[in-house]
Amino acid sequence: MPHLSLLTPIGALTLFAEEGAIIALEWGQASPPASPPGPLLERAASQLQDYFDGVRAEFDLPLAPFGTPFRRQVWAALTGIPYGSTWSYRDLAAAVGCRSARAVGQANGANPIPILIPCHRVIAANGGLGGYSGGDGVATKRYLLDLEIRAAGSPLFETSQGTPR
C-alpha cells in the first residue's frame, strides 16, 4: 500500500493512500515503500508540515476512512469543528443526531485519520481533555490544541485578506 512517513514535532507519522484518497494516518515510521509515494501523499505531507508550522488551518485532501456509516458520520462532523476550537462529546453527539456521547466518543477514538480529521478537538463537557489514542496520549492532544490556539493568533497564520488559509 502506498505510504509516506514524515517527522513532526509530535514524532514520526505515516500516511497511507489507496485509490486516490488518504485512508489512514498512523503514529510511527513505516519501512520505506517499494515505490515512490506519489503526488497525493507528498501533498498530504506538505500540508501536515504547514499545519505544524502554524500556517495551515484546513486540509485540502481527499479522505476515505474505512468505518461503519455511523463512524463515518461522526468523522465527517469532526471536520466541521473550527480550527483552534473545541466541542464536547455532547456537542458532537448533537451534531450527528445521536443521544449517546459515549457512542460518538468511541467513534472519535476509532478515527483512522487523526489530525486531518481533527478528533483532538473533542473534549469532555466539564472542559477536561478526556483521552487521546495517538502519540503520547493526552500530552499529544494538548500539544495539538495549543498549536492551533497559538497559530490562530499569529500574524504568520493570516493571508493578505486576514483570513486563515
Foldseek 3Di string as FASTA:
>chain_A
DQKDWDQAPLGIKMWDDDPQFTAAIAHDDDDDDPDDRDDQRVLVVVQVNCLRVLQAFADDTHYDYDDDPVLVLLLVVLNVAGFLAAAELCRSCVVSVHPDSVVSVVSLQVDRYDPNSPSLRYDHPVPHSPWHDHRPIPVVSVVSSVSRNVSLPDPSQQDPVGDGD
